[in-house]
Protein backbone atom coordinates (compact mmCIF):
# COMPACT_ATOMS: atom_id res chain seq x y z
CA MET A 1 50.30 105.93 126.91
CA ARG A 2 50.48 102.51 125.36
CA GLY A 3 49.07 99.33 126.84
CA THR A 4 50.17 95.75 126.54
CA THR A 5 47.67 92.96 126.93
CA VAL A 6 49.32 89.79 128.22
CA LEU A 7 47.32 86.93 126.71
CA PRO A 8 46.51 83.62 128.41
CA GLY A 9 49.63 81.50 128.72
CA GLU A 10 51.90 84.54 128.91
CA GLY A 11 53.04 86.78 131.73
CA ASP A 12 56.06 88.48 133.20
CA SER A 13 59.18 86.94 131.65
CA GLY A 14 56.89 84.64 129.68
CA GLU A 15 55.59 82.56 132.56
CA PRO A 16 51.97 81.30 132.46
CA SER A 17 49.45 83.74 133.84
CA GLY A 18 47.68 81.02 135.84
CA ASP A 19 43.99 81.61 135.21
CA GLY A 20 43.80 82.07 131.44
CA MET A 21 42.75 85.71 131.86
CA PRO A 22 44.33 88.44 129.73
CA THR A 23 46.18 90.94 131.93
CA HIS A 24 46.57 94.57 130.91
CA ARG A 25 49.80 96.35 131.75
CA LEU A 26 51.07 99.75 130.71
CA GLU A 27 54.18 100.70 128.80
CA VAL A 28 55.65 104.15 128.47
CA PRO A 29 58.89 105.66 127.25
CA MET A 30 61.56 106.63 129.72
CA PRO A 31 62.54 108.83 131.47
CA ASN A 32 60.35 110.94 133.79
CA ALA A 33 57.42 108.53 133.93
CA LEU A 34 54.70 109.22 136.47
CA PRO A 35 52.48 106.36 137.72
CA PHE A 36 49.33 108.33 136.89
CA ALA A 37 47.44 109.28 133.74
CA ILE A 38 44.09 110.78 132.81
CA GLY A 39 42.51 111.17 129.40
CA THR A 40 39.53 110.40 127.19
CA PHE A 41 38.67 106.90 126.05
CA ASP A 42 40.40 107.75 122.76
CA THR A 43 43.60 109.17 124.22
CA ILE A 44 43.99 106.37 126.77
CA GLY A 45 43.56 103.80 124.00
CA PRO A 46 41.33 100.92 122.87
CA MET A 47 41.89 98.88 126.06
CA SER A 48 39.92 101.54 127.95
CA ARG A 49 36.76 100.22 126.28
CA ALA A 50 37.74 96.54 125.86
CA ALA A 51 34.79 94.22 125.30
CA PHE A 52 36.58 91.10 126.57
CA PRO A 53 37.12 90.21 130.25
CA HIS A 54 40.62 91.14 131.42
CA ARG A 55 42.57 92.13 134.52
CA HIS A 56 44.65 95.21 135.26
CA THR A 57 47.82 95.54 137.30
CA PHE A 58 46.78 99.12 138.16
CA HIS A 59 43.77 101.06 139.44
CA GLU A 60 41.25 102.55 137.03
CA ILE A 61 38.54 105.13 137.71
CA VAL A 62 36.17 105.93 134.86
CA HIS A 63 33.97 109.03 134.87
CA VAL A 64 31.32 108.13 132.29
CA THR A 65 29.43 111.14 130.92
CA GLY A 66 27.87 109.57 127.83
CA GLY A 67 27.20 106.28 126.08
CA THR A 68 25.08 103.15 126.27
CA GLY A 69 25.73 99.50 127.06
CA ARG A 70 26.79 97.66 130.20
CA HIS A 71 29.84 97.62 132.43
CA VAL A 72 30.75 94.35 134.17
CA VAL A 73 33.17 94.16 137.11
CA ASP A 74 33.80 90.63 138.43
CA LEU A 75 30.29 89.20 138.86
CA ASN A 76 28.47 92.54 138.88
CA GLY A 77 27.05 94.14 135.76
CA CYS A 78 25.06 97.33 135.34
CA ALA A 79 23.52 99.27 132.44
CA LEU A 80 25.18 102.60 131.73
CA ARG A 81 23.08 105.58 132.80
CA PRO A 82 25.54 108.51 132.76
CA PRO A 83 26.83 110.35 134.60
CA HIS A 84 28.42 107.83 136.94
CA LEU A 85 31.75 106.55 138.24
CA CYS A 86 33.33 103.13 137.76
CA PHE A 87 36.15 101.81 139.95
CA ILE A 88 38.35 98.86 138.98
CA ALA A 89 41.05 97.68 141.40
CA PRO A 90 44.18 95.71 140.46
CA GLY A 91 43.32 92.07 139.88
CA GLN A 92 39.60 92.65 139.26
CA VAL A 93 38.12 91.35 136.02
CA HIS A 94 36.07 93.79 133.98
CA HIS A 95 34.80 94.55 130.48
CA TRP A 96 32.25 96.64 128.57
CA GLU A 97 29.27 94.94 126.91
CA ASP A 98 27.68 96.41 123.75
CA ALA A 99 29.11 99.80 124.66
CA THR A 100 28.62 102.57 122.11
CA GLY A 101 29.34 106.28 122.25
CA LEU A 102 31.38 106.08 125.47
CA GLU A 103 32.36 109.55 126.66
CA GLY A 104 34.14 110.77 129.75
CA ARG A 105 37.55 110.51 131.37
CA VAL A 106 39.66 107.49 132.35
CA ILE A 107 42.03 107.82 135.32
CA LEU A 108 44.84 105.28 135.68
CA PHE A 109 47.33 104.98 138.52
CA THR A 110 49.34 102.41 140.41
CA ASP A 111 49.41 101.55 144.10
CA ASP A 112 52.67 103.47 144.23
CA PHE A 113 50.82 106.70 143.47
CA LEU A 114 48.85 106.29 146.73
CA LEU A 115 51.99 106.85 148.79
CA ASP A 116 50.48 109.77 150.74
CA HIS A 117 47.18 107.98 151.40
CA PRO A 118 47.85 104.20 151.50
CA THR A 119 44.49 103.43 153.12
CA ASP A 120 42.81 104.57 149.89
CA ARG A 121 43.76 101.18 148.45
CA ASP A 122 41.19 99.44 150.67
CA VAL A 123 38.57 102.10 149.90
CA LEU A 124 39.15 101.66 146.18
CA ARG A 125 38.75 97.90 146.43
CA GLY A 126 35.47 98.43 148.25
CA LEU A 127 34.27 100.83 145.57
CA GLY A 128 35.13 98.22 142.95
CA ARG A 129 32.40 95.93 144.29
CA ARG A 130 29.88 97.81 142.15
CA ALA A 131 30.04 98.05 138.35
CA THR A 132 28.89 101.69 138.51
CA LEU A 133 28.26 104.35 141.15
CA ALA A 134 25.37 106.68 140.34
CA LEU A 135 25.98 110.43 140.62
CA PRO A 136 23.04 112.55 141.83
CA ASP A 137 22.98 116.14 140.54
CA GLU A 138 25.16 117.68 143.24
CA ALA A 139 27.63 114.78 143.14
CA ALA A 140 27.75 115.00 139.34
CA GLU A 141 28.81 118.65 139.65
CA TRP A 142 31.66 118.15 142.13
CA THR A 143 32.83 115.02 140.31
CA ALA A 144 33.04 116.91 137.02
CA ARG A 145 34.99 119.72 138.72
CA LEU A 146 37.44 117.32 140.40
CA VAL A 147 38.05 115.33 137.23
CA ALA A 148 38.58 118.56 135.26
CA ASP A 149 41.03 119.77 137.92
CA LEU A 150 42.89 116.46 137.79
CA GLU A 151 43.22 116.62 134.02
CA GLY A 152 44.25 120.28 134.05
CA GLU A 153 46.89 119.71 136.71
CA TYR A 154 48.17 116.60 134.95
CA ARG A 155 48.59 118.38 131.64
CA SER A 156 50.10 121.52 133.12
CA GLY A 157 53.04 119.80 134.77
CA ALA A 158 53.49 122.88 136.96
CA ALA A 159 55.78 122.86 139.99
CA GLY A 160 54.50 120.42 142.60
CA PHE A 161 51.79 119.06 140.29
CA HIS A 162 52.37 115.47 141.43
CA SER A 163 51.44 116.31 145.06
CA VAL A 164 48.36 118.22 143.86
CA LEU A 165 47.32 115.22 141.78
CA ARG A 166 47.62 112.92 144.81
CA SER A 167 45.53 115.31 146.93
CA LEU A 168 42.81 115.72 144.28
CA LEU A 169 42.67 111.96 143.75
CA HIS A 170 42.33 111.41 147.51
CA VAL A 171 39.40 113.86 147.64
CA LEU A 172 37.72 112.06 144.73
CA VAL A 173 38.10 108.67 146.42
CA VAL A 174 36.85 109.90 149.81
CA ARG A 175 33.84 111.70 148.34
CA ALA A 176 32.95 108.75 146.12
CA ALA A 177 32.93 106.49 149.19
CA ARG A 178 30.28 108.80 150.74
CA LEU A 179 27.85 108.35 147.84
CA PRO A 180 24.60 106.55 148.70
CA SER A 181 25.30 103.92 146.03
CA ALA A 182 28.75 103.30 147.53
CA ARG A 183 27.30 102.83 151.03
CA THR A 184 24.73 100.42 149.60
CA ALA A 185 27.50 98.40 147.98
CA ALA A 186 29.45 98.28 151.25
CA ALA A 187 26.38 96.97 153.05
CA GLN A 188 25.94 94.10 150.61
CA PRO A 189 27.54 90.79 151.56
CA ALA A 190 30.65 90.02 149.57
CA GLN A 191 30.62 87.10 147.14
CA PRO A 192 31.97 83.92 148.76
CA ARG A 193 35.69 83.65 148.11
CA SER A 194 37.37 80.60 146.68
CA ARG A 195 40.28 79.13 148.62
CA PRO A 196 42.89 80.72 146.30
CA ASP A 197 41.18 84.12 146.58
CA SER A 198 41.09 83.84 150.37
CA VAL A 199 44.78 82.95 150.49
CA ALA A 200 45.59 85.89 148.22
CA ALA A 201 43.52 88.26 150.38
CA GLU A 202 45.24 87.04 153.56
CA PHE A 203 48.62 87.47 151.92
CA MET A 204 47.78 91.03 150.86
CA ALA A 205 46.63 91.88 154.40
CA LEU A 206 49.88 90.53 155.84
CA VAL A 207 52.23 92.13 153.34
CA ASN A 208 50.56 95.53 153.78
CA GLY A 209 50.49 95.26 157.57
CA PRO A 210 53.05 96.40 160.12
CA ALA A 211 56.53 95.16 159.18
CA GLY A 212 54.93 93.15 156.40
CA ALA A 213 57.52 94.13 153.83
CA SER A 214 60.40 92.59 155.75
CA HIS A 215 59.40 88.93 155.28
CA SER A 216 60.07 86.48 152.46
CA VAL A 217 57.59 84.66 150.22
CA ARG A 218 58.47 81.40 152.01
CA THR A 219 57.74 82.98 155.42
CA TYR A 220 54.31 84.10 154.24
CA ALA A 221 53.56 80.68 152.76
CA GLU A 222 54.42 79.04 156.08
CA ARG A 223 52.23 81.49 158.02
CA LEU A 224 49.32 80.80 155.68
CA GLY A 225 49.84 77.03 155.75
CA VAL A 226 50.36 76.62 152.01
CA SER A 227 53.27 75.81 149.73
CA VAL A 228 55.27 78.55 148.02
CA GLY A 229 53.96 77.31 144.67
CA TYR A 230 50.32 77.44 145.78
CA LEU A 231 50.76 80.94 147.23
CA SER A 232 52.39 82.15 144.02
CA GLU A 233 49.62 80.76 141.84
CA ALA A 234 46.84 82.11 144.08
CA VAL A 235 48.30 85.62 144.30
CA LYS A 236 49.11 85.78 140.57
CA ALA A 237 45.57 84.69 139.65
CA SER A 238 43.99 87.22 142.03
CA THR A 239 46.19 90.26 141.39
CA GLY A 240 48.04 89.60 138.15
CA ARG A 241 51.34 89.92 140.03
CA THR A 242 53.66 87.59 141.93
CA PRO A 243 54.13 87.57 145.72
CA GLY A 244 57.74 88.65 145.22
CA GLU A 245 56.65 91.70 143.21
CA LEU A 246 54.13 92.70 145.86
CA ILE A 247 56.66 92.32 148.67
CA ARG A 248 59.12 94.48 146.75
CA GLN A 249 56.40 97.05 146.21
CA ALA A 250 55.58 97.05 149.93
CA ARG A 251 59.26 97.51 150.75
CA VAL A 252 59.50 100.46 148.39
CA HIS A 253 56.33 102.01 149.84
CA GLU A 254 57.61 101.71 153.39
CA ALA A 255 61.05 103.02 152.46
CA LYS A 256 59.51 106.05 150.77
CA ARG A 257 57.28 106.78 153.76
CA LEU A 258 60.27 106.61 156.11
CA LEU A 259 62.45 108.73 153.86
CA LEU A 260 59.80 111.40 153.46
CA HIS A 261 58.30 111.52 156.93
CA THR A 262 61.11 110.61 159.38
CA GLU A 263 64.66 111.68 160.17
CA LEU A 264 65.96 108.11 160.05
CA THR A 265 69.25 107.61 158.26
CA VAL A 266 69.39 105.57 155.07
CA ARG A 267 71.04 102.78 157.09
CA GLN A 268 68.12 102.83 159.56
CA VAL A 269 65.55 102.88 156.75
CA ALA A 270 67.31 99.88 155.21
CA ALA A 271 67.09 97.97 158.51
CA ARG A 272 63.42 98.88 158.98
CA THR A 273 62.57 97.46 155.56
CA GLY A 274 64.43 94.19 155.98
CA PHE A 275 67.84 94.99 154.49
CA GLY A 276 70.91 94.18 156.55
CA ASP A 277 73.21 95.75 153.98
CA PRO A 278 72.58 99.48 153.31
CA ALA A 279 74.51 99.33 150.04
CA TYR A 280 72.24 96.54 148.78
CA PHE A 281 69.21 98.56 149.93
CA CYS A 282 70.43 101.55 147.89
CA ARG A 283 70.88 99.38 144.80
CA PHE A 284 67.41 97.87 145.33
CA PHE A 285 65.80 101.28 145.80
CA ARG A 286 67.43 102.68 142.66
CA ARG A 287 66.44 99.63 140.63
CA GLU A 288 62.82 99.85 141.75
CA THR A 289 62.36 103.64 141.56
CA GLY A 290 65.02 104.95 139.21
CA THR A 291 66.54 107.19 141.88
CA SER A 292 68.66 106.90 145.03
CA PRO A 293 67.21 107.10 148.56
CA GLY A 294 69.09 110.36 149.12
CA ASP A 295 67.81 112.00 145.94
CA PHE A 296 64.27 110.84 146.69
CA ARG A 297 64.45 112.38 150.18
CA ARG A 298 65.79 115.65 148.76
CA GLY A 299 62.95 115.78 146.25
CA THR A 300 65.13 115.43 143.18
CA GLY A 301 63.86 111.96 142.34
CA ASP A 302 60.09 112.47 142.46
CA PHE A 303 59.62 111.58 138.80
CA HIS A 304 60.44 107.91 138.77
CA HIS A 305 59.64 104.89 136.69
CA ASP A 306 58.25 101.76 138.28
CA HIS A 307 59.61 99.29 135.74
CA ARG A 308 57.73 96.43 137.36
CA LEU A 309 54.43 98.06 136.42
CA GLN A 310 55.65 99.85 133.28
CA SER A 311 54.07 103.06 134.55
CA ILE A 312 52.22 105.74 132.67
CA ALA A 313 53.89 108.82 131.29
CA ARG A 314 52.53 112.34 131.45
CA PRO A 315 51.96 113.82 127.97
CA PRO A 316 53.46 117.17 126.99
CA ALA A 317 51.44 120.19 128.09
CA SER A 318 50.71 120.96 124.46
CA ALA A 319 49.10 117.56 123.84
């Protein structure tokens, strides 16, 4: 599990990042990459405790069981009083201040890993409004059990482990949202958004809505009343990714849902996701996931590599 920090002035294909903020991506060897990882601060790597503000292109959940210092997410900072949970959504800015002796587990995953529970994305963004979520005694116990189960399942690589990981992660997210500190955060008014942030949020709502994946960047820009350039800059600054990348991701998500949960033919799935040419859809799907629509439906392409996010690989069971 190796990370790459894209420094200000750099980005995908070398283009400027837009806001001068370092963006952390993940790189792993091929093949058989899984867009999920869990480990200690040491095994995940030095970026897991970075002291400088930076963005991620993936979700991060941190179960802190020891250490001192502060954790800052966007404009919210809080002293560490373990045990507690920290949630960082893609595009959020976070860092650790004067942190020493950090202990616990770091969970990393992409939006693609939330295929079975896509609404968890909104829950996770809500949880990210607090720098830390306190864990009362009972919550500390079930959190420790869930995190241990996640790590054990991840390292075992047993048959069907990827679906178990998704289910355990969903339980962790739902239970965390029930915590008193999470409900308090939800009740607090959100920080006023800048115009670019508002445009980016509206774009995300549209692209993740019904039939959202079938439109072009230009169509979205026209609907939002901004230029393509402005939309691209706003979305890249807010999420660390381009509108085109997010539309492609939404198309892949929808295609996977239809392939897994309906009897639609590949031609019909292509049409539902905005592709008039089924052959082009098949090439797109293979490029984005590393497998064909047919193999994915048959369950032979579950282990795929999202090259746009440079996903995280599962370590050997003996690691």
